[in-house]
C-alpha atoms as a PDB file:
ATOM      1  CA  MET A   1      -2.707 -12.627 -17.546  1.00  0.00           C
ATOM      2  CA  ILE A   2      -4.872 -14.516 -14.723  1.00  0.00           C
ATOM      3  CA  ILE A   3      -4.528 -17.720 -16.072  1.00  0.00           C
ATOM      4  CA  ASP A   4      -0.453 -17.415 -16.537  1.00  0.00           C
ATOM      5  CA  SER A   5      -0.148 -20.522 -13.641  1.00  0.00           C
ATOM      6  CA  GLU A   6       3.335 -18.457 -12.942  1.00  0.00           C
ATOM      7  CA  ASN A   7       0.925 -15.216 -11.284  1.00  0.00           C
ATOM      8  CA  THR A   8      -0.111 -15.081  -8.058  1.00  0.00           C
ATOM      9  CA  ILE A   9      -3.493 -14.135  -7.815  1.00  0.00           C
ATOM     10  CA  PHE A  10      -3.675 -12.151  -4.804  1.00  0.00           C
ATOM     11  CA  VAL A  11      -7.363 -11.026  -2.853  1.00  0.00           C
ATOM     12  CA  SER A  12      -7.117  -8.004  -0.508  1.00  0.00           C
ATOM     13  CA  VAL A  13      -9.193  -8.694   2.489  1.00  0.00           C
ATOM     14  CA  ALA A  14     -10.660  -5.683   2.548  1.00  0.00           C
ATOM     15  CA  SER A  15     -12.445  -6.779  -0.164  1.00  0.00           C
ATOM     16  CA  PHE A  16     -13.850  -9.698   1.663  1.00  0.00           C
ATOM     17  CA  PHE A  17     -14.794  -7.495   4.469  1.00  0.00           C
ATOM     18  CA  GLU A  18     -16.453  -5.460   1.790  1.00  0.00           C
ATOM     19  CA  ILE A  19     -18.182  -8.395   0.774  1.00  0.00           C
ATOM     20  CA  GLY A  20     -19.212  -8.809   4.385  1.00  0.00           C
ATOM     21  CA  ILE A  21     -20.502  -5.833   5.204  1.00  0.00           C
ATOM     22  CA  LYS A  22     -23.090  -5.715   2.415  1.00  0.00           C
ATOM     23  CA  GLU A  23     -24.067  -8.631   3.519  1.00  0.00           C
ATOM     24  CA  LYS A  24     -24.699  -7.737   6.631  1.00  0.00           C
ATOM     25  CA  ILE A  25     -26.727  -4.728   5.810  1.00  0.00           C
ATOM     26  CA  GLY A  26     -28.805  -6.167   3.744  1.00  0.00           C
ATOM     27  CA  LYS A  27     -27.192  -5.096   0.236  1.00  0.00           C
ATOM     28  CA  LEU A  28     -25.431  -8.534  -0.700  1.00  0.00           C
ATOM     29  CA  GLU A  29     -26.508 -11.770  -0.969  1.00  0.00           C
ATOM     30  CA  PHE A  30     -23.520 -14.241   0.309  1.00  0.00           C
ATOM     31  CA  ASN A  31     -23.472 -17.569   0.274  1.00  0.00           C
ATOM     32  CA  GLY A  32     -19.899 -18.768   0.074  1.00  0.00           C
ATOM     33  CA  ASN A  33     -17.156 -19.266   2.687  1.00  0.00           C
ATOM     34  CA  PHE A  34     -14.381 -16.664   2.168  1.00  0.00           C
ATOM     35  CA  GLU A  35     -11.038 -19.737   2.639  1.00  0.00           C
ATOM     36  CA  THR A  36     -13.167 -22.434   0.626  1.00  0.00           C
ATOM     37  CA  ILE A  37     -13.262 -19.541  -2.602  1.00  0.00           C
ATOM     38  CA  LEU A  38      -9.392 -18.526  -1.961  1.00  0.00           C
ATOM     39  CA  LYS A  39      -8.060 -22.213  -1.887  1.00  0.00           C
ATOM     40  CA  SER A  40     -10.556 -23.468  -4.274  1.00  0.00           C
ATOM     41  CA  ASN A  41      -9.336 -20.902  -7.574  1.00  0.00           C
ATOM     42  CA  GLY A  42      -5.548 -20.947  -6.287  1.00  0.00           C
ATOM     43  CA  PHE A  43      -5.925 -17.443  -5.121  1.00  0.00           C
ATOM     44  CA  GLU A  44      -3.735 -16.257  -2.010  1.00  0.00           C
ATOM     45  CA  SER A  45      -5.358 -13.760   0.522  1.00  0.00           C
ATOM     46  CA  LEU A  46      -3.548 -10.334   0.647  1.00  0.00           C
ATOM     47  CA  PRO A  47      -3.756  -8.877   4.342  1.00  0.00           C
ATOM     48  CA  ILE A  48      -3.558  -5.351   5.495  1.00  0.00           C
ATOM     49  CA  THR A  49      -0.857  -4.134   6.841  1.00  0.00           C
ATOM     50  CA  LEU A  50       0.469  -1.244   8.222  1.00  0.00           C
ATOM     51  CA  LYS A  51       2.703  -0.453   5.158  1.00  0.00           C
ATOM     52  CA  HIS A  52      -0.261  -0.562   3.149  1.00  0.00           C
ATOM     53  CA  LEU A  53      -2.356   2.519   5.848  1.00  0.00           C
ATOM     54  CA  GLU A  54       1.106   4.852   5.250  1.00  0.00           C
ATOM     55  CA  THR A  55       0.945   4.647   1.184  1.00  0.00           C
ATOM     56  CA  LEU A  56      -3.014   5.380   1.991  1.00  0.00           C
ATOM     57  CA  ARG A  57      -1.897   7.998   3.865  1.00  0.00           C
ATOM     58  CA  LYS A  58       0.133   9.691   0.863  1.00  0.00           C
ATOM     59  CA  THR A  59      -1.643   9.418  -2.224  1.00  0.00           C
ATOM     60  CA  GLU A  60      -3.530  11.126  -4.028  1.00  0.00           C
ATOM     61  CA  PHE A  61      -7.192  10.227  -4.772  1.00  0.00           C
ATOM     62  CA  THR A  62      -9.979  11.723  -6.959  1.00  0.00           C
ATOM     63  CA  HIS A  63     -12.946   9.544  -4.897  1.00  0.00           C
ATOM     64  CA  LYS A  64     -14.129   8.567  -1.630  1.00  0.00           C
ATOM     65  CA  ASP A  65     -14.649   5.032  -1.802  1.00  0.00           C
ATOM     66  CA  PRO A  66     -12.373   3.660   1.233  1.00  0.00           C
ATOM     67  CA  PHE A  67     -12.374   0.222   0.777  1.00  0.00           C
ATOM     68  CA  ASP A  68     -10.808   1.103  -3.227  1.00  0.00           C
ATOM     69  CA  MET A  69      -8.126   3.380  -1.175  1.00  0.00           C
ATOM     70  CA  VAL A  70      -7.393   0.340   0.871  1.00  0.00           C
ATOM     71  CA  LEU A  71      -6.685  -1.956  -2.707  1.00  0.00           C
ATOM     72  CA  ILE A  72      -4.719   0.899  -4.019  1.00  0.00           C
ATOM     73  CA  ALA A  73      -2.827   1.010  -1.677  1.00  0.00           C
ATOM     74  CA  GLN A  74      -2.420  -2.003  -1.483  1.00  0.00           C
ATOM     75  CA  ALA A  75      -1.109  -2.202  -5.314  1.00  0.00           C
ATOM     76  CA  ILE A  76       1.020   0.233  -5.194  1.00  0.00           C
ATOM     77  CA  SER A  77       2.794  -0.714  -1.753  1.00  0.00           C
ATOM     78  CA  GLU A  78       3.688  -4.182  -2.734  1.00  0.00           C
ATOM     79  CA  ASN A  79       4.289  -3.394  -6.433  1.00  0.00           C
ATOM     80  CA  ILE A  80       1.447  -5.457  -8.405  1.00  0.00           C
ATOM     81  CA  GLU A  81      -1.225  -5.118 -10.863  1.00  0.00           C
ATOM     82  CA  LEU A  82      -5.051  -4.112  -9.516  1.00  0.00           C
ATOM     83  CA  ILE A  83      -7.462  -5.631 -11.467  1.00  0.00           C
ATOM     84  CA  SER A  84     -10.264  -4.067 -12.342  1.00  0.00           C
ATOM     85  CA  TYR A  85     -13.803  -2.152 -14.322  1.00  0.00           C
ATOM     86  CA  ASN A  86     -13.657   1.288 -12.751  1.00  0.00           C
ATOM     87  CA  GLY A  87     -11.901   3.692 -15.181  1.00  0.00           C
ATOM     88  CA  LYS A  88     -12.040   6.084 -12.332  1.00  0.00           C
ATOM     89  CA  PHE A  89      -8.519   4.510 -10.831  1.00  0.00           C
ATOM     90  CA  LEU A  90      -6.525   5.673 -13.888  1.00  0.00           C
ATOM     91  CA  ASN A  91      -5.139   8.640 -13.025  1.00  0.00           C
ATOM     92  CA  VAL A  92      -3.777   7.393  -9.689  1.00  0.00           C
ATOM     93  CA  GLU A  93       0.195   7.936  -9.483  1.00  0.00           C
ATOM     94  CA  GLY A  94       2.206   5.037  -9.092  1.00  0.00           C
ATOM     95  CA  LEU A  95      -0.684   2.746  -9.619  1.00  0.00           C
ATOM     96  CA  LYS A  96      -0.702  -0.132 -12.382  1.00  0.00           C
ATOM     97  CA  ILE A  97      -3.962  -1.517 -13.296  1.00  0.00           C
ATOM     98  CA  ILE A  98      -5.330  -3.827 -15.484  1.00  0.00           C
ATOM     99  CA  LEU A  99      -9.371  -3.150 -17.034  1.00  0.00           C
ATOM    100  CA  CYS A 100     -11.915  -6.138 -17.590  1.00  0.00           C
END
């Protein structure tokens, strides 16, 4: 699915926000440039919108990671599949997920 050139791959701004925070507090070493990573891989940036935040407010979550909540709300709002290794997301109503 990912390698199908007909598919648009979105990367949430929330993911880059989390990387930036973890880098800043010393939990992650990152030497890349977010925009370069997107462009060089043919990915599109997915901004966080008020629509996403309204979906977040209405969605039931079984875990409390705020970055995960944003990613889930974006996927539900945009009716797109979320690619994740996290099986905890499987029970979120309305979420389409691809486990890897």
